[in-house]
Amino acid sequence: MENTVTPPPAVINTSSPDLLKNTPSNIARLEDVIEQCRGRQKYLAQTSSPSDGSDVRWYFCKVPLAENELAASVPGTDVVGKSEYFRFGMRDSLAIEASFLQREDELLSLWWREYAECSQGPIPQVSPKTIPNKQSVEASVSSSLYAVEEERVGVPVKGGLYEVDLVRRHCFPVYWNGDNRRVLRGHWFARKGGLDWLPIPETVAEQLEASYRNKVWHRRRFQPSGLFAARVDLQGSSLGLHALFTGEDSTWEAWLNVDPSGFSGFVGYTGNGIKLRRGYAGSYSPKPTQEELRQQKEEEMDDYCSQVPVRHLVFMVHGIGQKGEKSNLVDDVGNSVK
């Protein structure tokens, strides 16, 4: 009997600036790397339902994180709002996903630990003067979770101008000091009115994924509303948050809803709730929505950045009292060389 040896995961080579370009060859190479990852198999579509898919897209938040703010603490809703998060370009999204799958167990463990640390438990009856503010609490949690501050090395995106730290789920600039922006793995999506599918935060998406893999719709029963569905209670930002799964393997559908007594942070929970789907679905409408146009514009910006990746880094040192914005740097350098 021959011994079978599991091949090591493919290494994502980003040493060449050309590999950061959003080209068909780079996209095909990264897709091949992802298909070789053992963790990829469980994210493939397991049914033929129109609600099922396997594509994952990564997003970054438009609003930067506050100092010491943990990524797991945002967003404060169960479905992100329109124009709050933007898609990475295809090449960048695939590169992030490939790196994520190669360290999935470790990264998920760290993510749930951070989420548990920053989740708010029961509030005791104490004097308002003794209640610590959110920033001081998260600063303490951040220092305890990441006690050793090392030089961050992430996944290069946007032509190498930014990198993604998958441990903290931050997107940060490489060549200058700048804000951290929350990155989000979009695997489950919701449509709360209109035509746009919006990503669901990972904490809720992971719970939906567990229900999907267990084919929870096989355990349907009549709900108080009269709907024949399987109910799954979820932990999220809304009290009484739950999902309803209906149909069979080839026709299952799912909705996100809250109990009438629960409080929702946004409007949209009507009827069966907000429609859900598994896997990213692109918009192929001849008349894309304003939200889709914004997303496409951001992806076009990523494409432009990838076409001119950083190859040389120039350091500028100005003299005492010299204002860089008013000087001719080219002439200054030329004169100094002469």
Protein backbone atom coordinates (compact mmCIF):
# COMPACT_ATOMS: atom_id res chain seq x y z
CA MET A 1 0.00 0.00 0.00
CA GLU A 2 1.49 3.31 -1.06
CA ASN A 3 1.80 6.16 1.38
CA THR A 4 -0.01 9.30 0.31
CA VAL A 5 1.72 12.55 1.08
CA THR A 6 -0.27 15.76 1.24
CA PRO A 7 1.53 18.40 -0.82
CA PRO A 8 2.44 21.61 1.00
CA PRO A 9 0.32 24.67 0.23
CA ALA A 10 1.48 26.75 -2.70
CA VAL A 11 3.54 29.79 -1.78
CA ILE A 12 2.12 33.15 -2.82
CA ASN A 13 5.03 34.96 -4.44
CA THR A 14 4.67 38.74 -4.35
CA SER A 15 8.33 39.66 -4.72
CA SER A 16 7.85 40.83 -8.30
CA PRO A 17 5.84 44.04 -8.87
CA ASP A 18 4.36 42.44 -11.99
CA LEU A 19 2.60 39.87 -9.79
CA LEU A 20 0.63 42.70 -8.16
CA LYS A 21 -1.02 43.66 -11.44
CA ASN A 22 -4.69 42.84 -11.98
CA THR A 23 -4.08 40.73 -15.09
CA PRO A 24 -5.82 37.53 -16.29
CA SER A 25 -2.62 35.52 -15.77
CA ASN A 26 -2.21 36.70 -12.16
CA ILE A 27 -5.89 36.06 -11.44
CA ALA A 28 -5.63 32.53 -12.90
CA ARG A 29 -2.49 31.84 -10.86
CA LEU A 30 -4.16 32.90 -7.60
CA GLU A 31 -7.30 30.91 -8.40
CA ASP A 32 -5.08 27.85 -8.82
CA VAL A 33 -3.42 28.53 -5.45
CA ILE A 34 -6.85 28.78 -3.79
CA GLU A 35 -8.08 25.54 -5.36
CA GLN A 36 -5.06 23.73 -3.91
CA CYS A 37 -5.89 24.89 -0.38
CA ARG A 38 -7.50 22.16 1.69
CA GLY A 39 -9.88 24.64 3.34
CA ARG A 40 -11.31 25.73 0.00
CA GLN A 41 -13.35 22.55 -0.46
CA LYS A 42 -15.81 23.29 2.33
CA TYR A 43 -16.70 26.65 0.79
CA LEU A 44 -17.74 25.17 -2.55
CA ALA A 45 -21.46 25.06 -3.33
CA GLN A 46 -22.96 21.87 -1.90
CA THR A 47 -26.41 22.29 -3.41
CA SER A 48 -27.89 23.44 -6.72
CA SER A 49 -30.06 26.13 -5.14
CA PRO A 50 -29.96 29.59 -6.78
CA SER A 51 -29.18 30.91 -3.29
CA ASP A 52 -25.95 28.89 -3.15
CA GLY A 53 -22.53 29.99 -4.35
CA SER A 54 -18.85 29.68 -3.51
CA ASP A 55 -17.25 33.00 -4.44
CA VAL A 56 -15.70 35.00 -1.61
CA ARG A 57 -14.90 38.70 -1.89
CA TRP A 58 -12.95 40.87 0.53
CA TYR A 59 -13.97 44.42 1.44
CA PHE A 60 -12.46 47.37 3.29
CA CYS A 61 -14.30 49.97 5.33
CA LYS A 62 -14.64 53.50 4.03
CA VAL A 63 -14.31 54.96 7.54
CA PRO A 64 -10.97 54.33 9.29
CA LEU A 65 -10.81 52.70 12.69
CA ALA A 66 -10.30 54.90 15.71
CA GLU A 67 -7.07 54.55 17.65
CA ASN A 68 -7.03 51.20 19.50
CA GLU A 69 -10.44 50.30 18.05
CA LEU A 70 -10.73 46.57 17.41
CA ALA A 71 -11.90 45.38 14.01
CA ALA A 72 -14.28 42.86 15.61
CA SER A 73 -16.22 45.73 17.20
CA VAL A 74 -17.39 47.08 13.83
CA PRO A 75 -19.76 47.24 12.10
CA GLY A 76 -22.40 47.63 14.78
CA THR A 77 -25.11 46.12 12.56
CA ASP A 78 -25.85 42.64 11.26
CA VAL A 79 -25.68 43.77 7.62
CA VAL A 80 -23.35 46.52 6.45
CA GLY A 81 -24.91 49.66 5.03
CA LYS A 82 -24.60 50.82 1.46
CA SER A 83 -21.36 52.65 0.62
CA GLU A 84 -19.84 51.69 3.99
CA TYR A 85 -17.56 49.00 2.55
CA PHE A 86 -15.82 48.77 -0.82
CA ARG A 87 -14.71 45.66 -2.69
CA PHE A 88 -11.05 45.02 -3.32
CA GLY A 89 -10.16 44.42 -6.95
CA MET A 90 -10.35 40.82 -8.16
CA ARG A 91 -6.60 40.18 -7.99
CA ASP A 92 -6.27 41.69 -4.51
CA SER A 93 -9.32 39.83 -3.19
CA LEU A 94 -7.97 36.50 -4.45
CA ALA A 95 -4.55 37.19 -2.92
CA ILE A 96 -6.13 37.93 0.48
CA GLU A 97 -8.33 34.83 0.29
CA ALA A 98 -5.40 32.59 -0.65
CA SER A 99 -3.41 33.83 2.36
CA PHE A 100 -6.45 33.46 4.60
CA LEU A 101 -7.11 29.84 3.60
CA GLN A 102 -3.49 28.86 4.25
CA ARG A 103 -3.84 30.01 7.89
CA GLU A 104 -7.59 29.66 8.32
CA ASP A 105 -7.74 27.78 11.63
CA GLU A 106 -5.25 30.12 13.30
CA LEU A 107 -6.88 33.28 11.94
CA LEU A 108 -10.41 32.21 12.89
CA SER A 109 -9.26 31.37 16.42
CA LEU A 110 -7.70 34.82 16.80
CA TRP A 111 -10.76 36.49 15.31
CA TRP A 112 -13.23 34.83 17.70
CA ARG A 113 -10.94 35.60 20.61
CA GLU A 114 -10.92 39.28 19.67
CA TYR A 115 -14.70 39.26 19.17
CA ALA A 116 -15.21 37.70 22.61
CA GLU A 117 -12.92 40.24 24.24
CA CYS A 118 -14.67 43.27 22.78
CA SER A 119 -18.24 41.95 23.08
CA GLN A 120 -20.25 43.77 25.70
CA GLY A 121 -21.67 41.60 28.45
CA PRO A 122 -24.30 42.43 31.07
CA ILE A 123 -23.87 45.98 32.36
CA PRO A 124 -23.79 46.17 36.18
CA GLN A 125 -25.61 48.91 38.07
CA VAL A 126 -22.76 51.26 38.87
CA SER A 127 -22.20 54.97 39.03
CA PRO A 128 -21.78 56.62 35.59
CA LYS A 129 -18.47 58.07 36.80
CA THR A 130 -17.01 54.57 37.17
CA ILE A 131 -18.06 53.32 33.73
CA PRO A 132 -15.00 53.28 31.43
CA ASN A 133 -15.47 54.70 27.97
CA LYS A 134 -15.29 52.49 24.89
CA GLN A 135 -11.88 53.71 23.74
CA SER A 136 -10.20 53.04 27.10
CA VAL A 137 -11.70 49.54 27.25
CA GLU A 138 -10.63 48.67 23.71
CA ALA A 139 -7.15 50.12 24.29
CA SER A 140 -6.76 47.78 27.26
CA VAL A 141 -8.09 44.81 25.29
CA SER A 142 -5.88 45.61 22.31
CA SER A 143 -2.77 45.77 24.47
CA SER A 144 -3.60 42.43 26.09
CA LEU A 145 -4.37 40.68 22.80
CA TYR A 146 -1.37 42.06 20.94
CA ALA A 147 1.17 42.54 23.70
CA VAL A 148 4.16 42.18 21.37
CA GLU A 149 4.11 44.84 18.67
CA GLU A 150 6.10 43.52 15.74
CA GLU A 151 6.65 44.99 12.32
CA ARG A 152 3.53 44.13 10.39
CA VAL A 153 3.94 42.20 7.17
CA GLY A 154 0.68 41.72 5.34
CA VAL A 155 -0.74 40.84 1.94
CA PRO A 156 0.24 43.52 -0.61
CA VAL A 157 -2.77 45.19 -2.27
CA LYS A 158 -3.43 48.23 -4.43
CA GLY A 159 -0.16 47.89 -6.30
CA GLY A 160 1.84 47.48 -3.08
CA LEU A 161 0.78 50.83 -1.60
CA TYR A 162 -1.21 49.05 1.11
CA GLU A 163 -1.07 45.74 2.93
CA VAL A 164 -3.73 43.68 4.69
CA ASP A 165 -2.99 42.36 8.18
CA LEU A 166 -5.16 39.24 8.42
CA VAL A 167 -4.53 38.80 12.15
CA ARG A 168 -6.06 42.16 13.06
CA ARG A 169 -8.10 42.47 9.84
CA HIS A 170 -6.59 45.85 9.06
CA CYS A 171 -5.70 47.48 5.77
CA PHE A 172 -2.85 49.94 6.29
CA PRO A 173 -0.54 52.08 4.11
CA VAL A 174 3.01 50.86 3.62
CA TYR A 175 5.04 53.97 2.79
CA TRP A 176 3.48 56.55 5.10
CA ASN A 177 1.75 56.74 8.46
CA GLY A 178 -1.97 56.40 8.01
CA ASP A 179 -5.19 55.04 9.45
CA ASN A 180 -6.11 51.40 9.78
CA ARG A 181 -9.23 50.35 7.92
CA ARG A 182 -11.30 47.32 8.82
CA VAL A 183 -11.28 44.52 6.24
CA LEU A 184 -14.22 42.13 5.96
CA ARG A 185 -14.50 38.68 4.39
CA GLY A 186 -17.71 38.58 2.39
CA HIS A 187 -19.08 35.03 2.18
CA TRP A 188 -22.77 35.51 3.07
CA PHE A 189 -24.76 38.42 1.69
CA ALA A 190 -28.11 40.09 2.34
CA ARG A 191 -30.43 42.13 0.15
CA LYS A 192 -32.43 44.55 2.26
CA GLY A 193 -34.44 46.27 -0.43
CA GLY A 194 -33.22 47.10 -3.90
CA LEU A 195 -30.93 44.91 -5.98
CA ASP A 196 -27.62 45.12 -4.12
CA TRP A 197 -26.25 42.18 -2.15
CA LEU A 198 -24.42 43.54 0.89
CA PRO A 199 -21.88 41.51 2.90
CA ILE A 200 -22.72 40.19 6.35
CA PRO A 201 -20.10 40.53 9.12
CA GLU A 202 -18.08 37.38 9.77
CA THR A 203 -19.56 36.73 13.21
CA VAL A 204 -23.06 36.22 11.78
CA ALA A 205 -21.82 34.70 8.50
CA GLU A 206 -19.93 31.92 10.32
CA GLN A 207 -23.10 30.96 12.18
CA LEU A 208 -25.06 30.88 8.91
CA GLU A 209 -22.34 28.76 7.32
CA ALA A 210 -22.53 26.20 10.14
CA SER A 211 -26.30 25.93 9.64
CA TYR A 212 -25.82 25.56 5.89
CA ARG A 213 -23.31 22.72 6.23
CA ASN A 214 -25.73 20.90 8.55
CA LYS A 215 -28.51 21.40 5.97
CA VAL A 216 -30.74 22.81 8.63
CA TRP A 217 -33.66 23.17 6.18
CA HIS A 218 -34.19 19.41 6.55
CA ARG A 219 -35.55 20.17 10.03
CA ARG A 220 -38.36 22.49 8.97
CA ARG A 221 -41.48 22.94 11.07
CA PHE A 222 -44.36 25.39 11.14
CA GLN A 223 -43.36 28.70 12.70
CA PRO A 224 -45.78 30.93 14.66
CA SER A 225 -46.13 33.02 11.49
CA GLY A 226 -47.35 29.94 9.61
CA LEU A 227 -44.16 29.64 7.54
CA PHE A 228 -42.83 26.09 7.16
CA ALA A 229 -39.16 26.73 7.92
CA ALA A 230 -36.22 25.87 10.14
CA ARG A 231 -35.31 28.59 12.60
CA VAL A 232 -31.71 29.22 13.68
CA ASP A 233 -31.11 31.64 16.54
CA LEU A 234 -28.06 33.82 15.93
CA GLN A 235 -25.82 35.94 18.09
CA GLY A 236 -25.55 39.40 16.60
CA SER A 237 -26.06 43.07 17.33
CA SER A 238 -29.88 42.77 17.32
CA LEU A 239 -31.84 41.04 20.07
CA GLY A 240 -33.83 38.08 18.81
CA LEU A 241 -31.78 37.79 15.61
CA HIS A 242 -32.48 34.57 13.74
CA ALA A 243 -32.45 33.00 10.28
CA LEU A 244 -35.27 31.09 8.59
CA PHE A 245 -34.40 28.35 6.08
CA THR A 246 -37.05 26.98 3.72
CA GLY A 247 -37.16 24.62 0.73
CA GLU A 248 -35.20 21.52 -0.26
CA ASP A 249 -31.57 20.91 -1.25
CA SER A 250 -32.09 22.30 -4.73
CA THR A 251 -34.45 25.11 -3.74
CA TRP A 252 -33.47 26.24 -0.24
CA GLU A 253 -33.81 29.90 0.62
CA ALA A 254 -32.96 31.84 3.75
CA TRP A 255 -33.99 35.08 5.44
CA LEU A 256 -32.55 37.12 8.29
CA ASN A 257 -35.07 38.42 10.80
CA VAL A 258 -35.58 39.58 14.39
CA ASP A 259 -38.32 38.81 16.88
CA PRO A 260 -40.98 41.54 17.21
CA SER A 261 -39.71 42.29 20.71
CA GLY A 262 -36.15 42.72 19.46
CA PHE A 263 -34.65 46.04 18.48
CA SER A 264 -33.03 46.38 15.07
CA GLY A 265 -30.43 48.99 14.24
CA PHE A 266 -31.78 49.45 10.73
CA VAL A 267 -35.03 49.24 8.81
CA GLY A 268 -35.63 46.22 6.62
CA TYR A 269 -36.93 43.39 8.80
CA THR A 270 -40.38 43.02 7.27
CA GLY A 271 -42.38 39.91 6.36
CA ASN A 272 -40.06 36.91 6.32
CA GLY A 273 -37.10 39.27 6.77
CA ILE A 274 -34.08 40.15 4.66
CA LYS A 275 -33.21 37.74 1.84
CA LEU A 276 -29.89 35.91 2.19
CA ARG A 277 -27.55 34.19 -0.22
CA ARG A 278 -24.32 32.25 0.15
CA GLY A 279 -21.44 33.40 -2.03
CA TYR A 280 -20.80 36.62 -3.90
CA ALA A 281 -23.01 37.37 -6.90
CA GLY A 282 -21.90 40.06 -9.32
CA SER A 283 -24.24 42.54 -10.96
CA TYR A 284 -24.70 41.98 -14.68
CA SER A 285 -27.56 44.41 -15.13
CA PRO A 286 -27.28 46.78 -18.11
CA LYS A 287 -28.31 49.52 -15.68
CA PRO A 288 -26.25 49.00 -12.51
CA THR A 289 -27.38 50.63 -9.28
CA GLN A 290 -25.59 53.62 -7.77
CA GLU A 291 -24.08 51.31 -5.16
CA GLU A 292 -22.69 49.00 -7.84
CA LEU A 293 -21.29 51.97 -9.77
CA ARG A 294 -19.44 53.08 -6.62
CA GLN A 295 -18.03 49.58 -6.18
CA GLN A 296 -16.92 49.40 -9.81
CA LYS A 297 -15.24 52.80 -9.56
CA GLU A 298 -13.23 51.63 -6.54
CA GLU A 299 -12.19 48.46 -8.37
CA GLU A 300 -11.09 50.54 -11.35
CA MET A 301 -8.92 52.59 -8.99
CA ASP A 302 -7.34 49.35 -7.73
CA ASP A 303 -6.70 48.30 -11.32
CA TYR A 304 -4.95 51.60 -12.02
CA CYS A 305 -2.78 51.27 -8.91
CA SER A 306 -1.82 47.74 -9.88
CA GLN A 307 -0.64 48.87 -13.32
CA VAL A 308 1.96 51.17 -11.77
CA PRO A 309 3.28 49.21 -8.76
CA VAL A 310 5.97 50.72 -6.57
CA ARG A 311 9.42 49.99 -8.02
CA HIS A 312 11.50 52.82 -6.56
CA LEU A 313 11.25 54.70 -3.29
CA VAL A 314 12.56 58.28 -3.14
CA PHE A 315 13.29 59.95 0.20
CA MET A 316 13.06 63.74 0.28
CA VAL A 317 14.96 65.73 2.90
CA HIS A 318 14.27 69.45 3.01
CA GLY A 319 16.47 72.11 4.54
CA ILE A 320 15.68 74.07 7.68
CA GLY A 321 12.89 76.51 6.93
CA GLN A 322 12.35 75.18 3.42
CA LYS A 323 8.75 74.54 2.45
CA GLY A 324 8.55 71.54 0.18
CA GLU A 325 5.31 72.57 -1.48
CA LYS A 326 6.83 75.85 -2.74
CA SER A 327 10.18 74.54 -3.94
CA ASN A 328 11.09 73.01 -7.26
CA LEU A 329 12.33 69.63 -6.10
CA VAL A 330 13.52 68.59 -9.55
CA ASP A 331 15.70 71.70 -9.93
CA ASP A 332 17.01 71.34 -6.38
CA VAL A 333 18.08 67.76 -6.95
CA GLY A 334 19.57 68.62 -10.33
CA ASN A 335 21.64 71.47 -8.89
CA SER A 336 22.92 69.33 -6.03
CA VAL A 337 24.03 66.64 -8.47
CA LYS A 338 25.92 69.18 -10.56
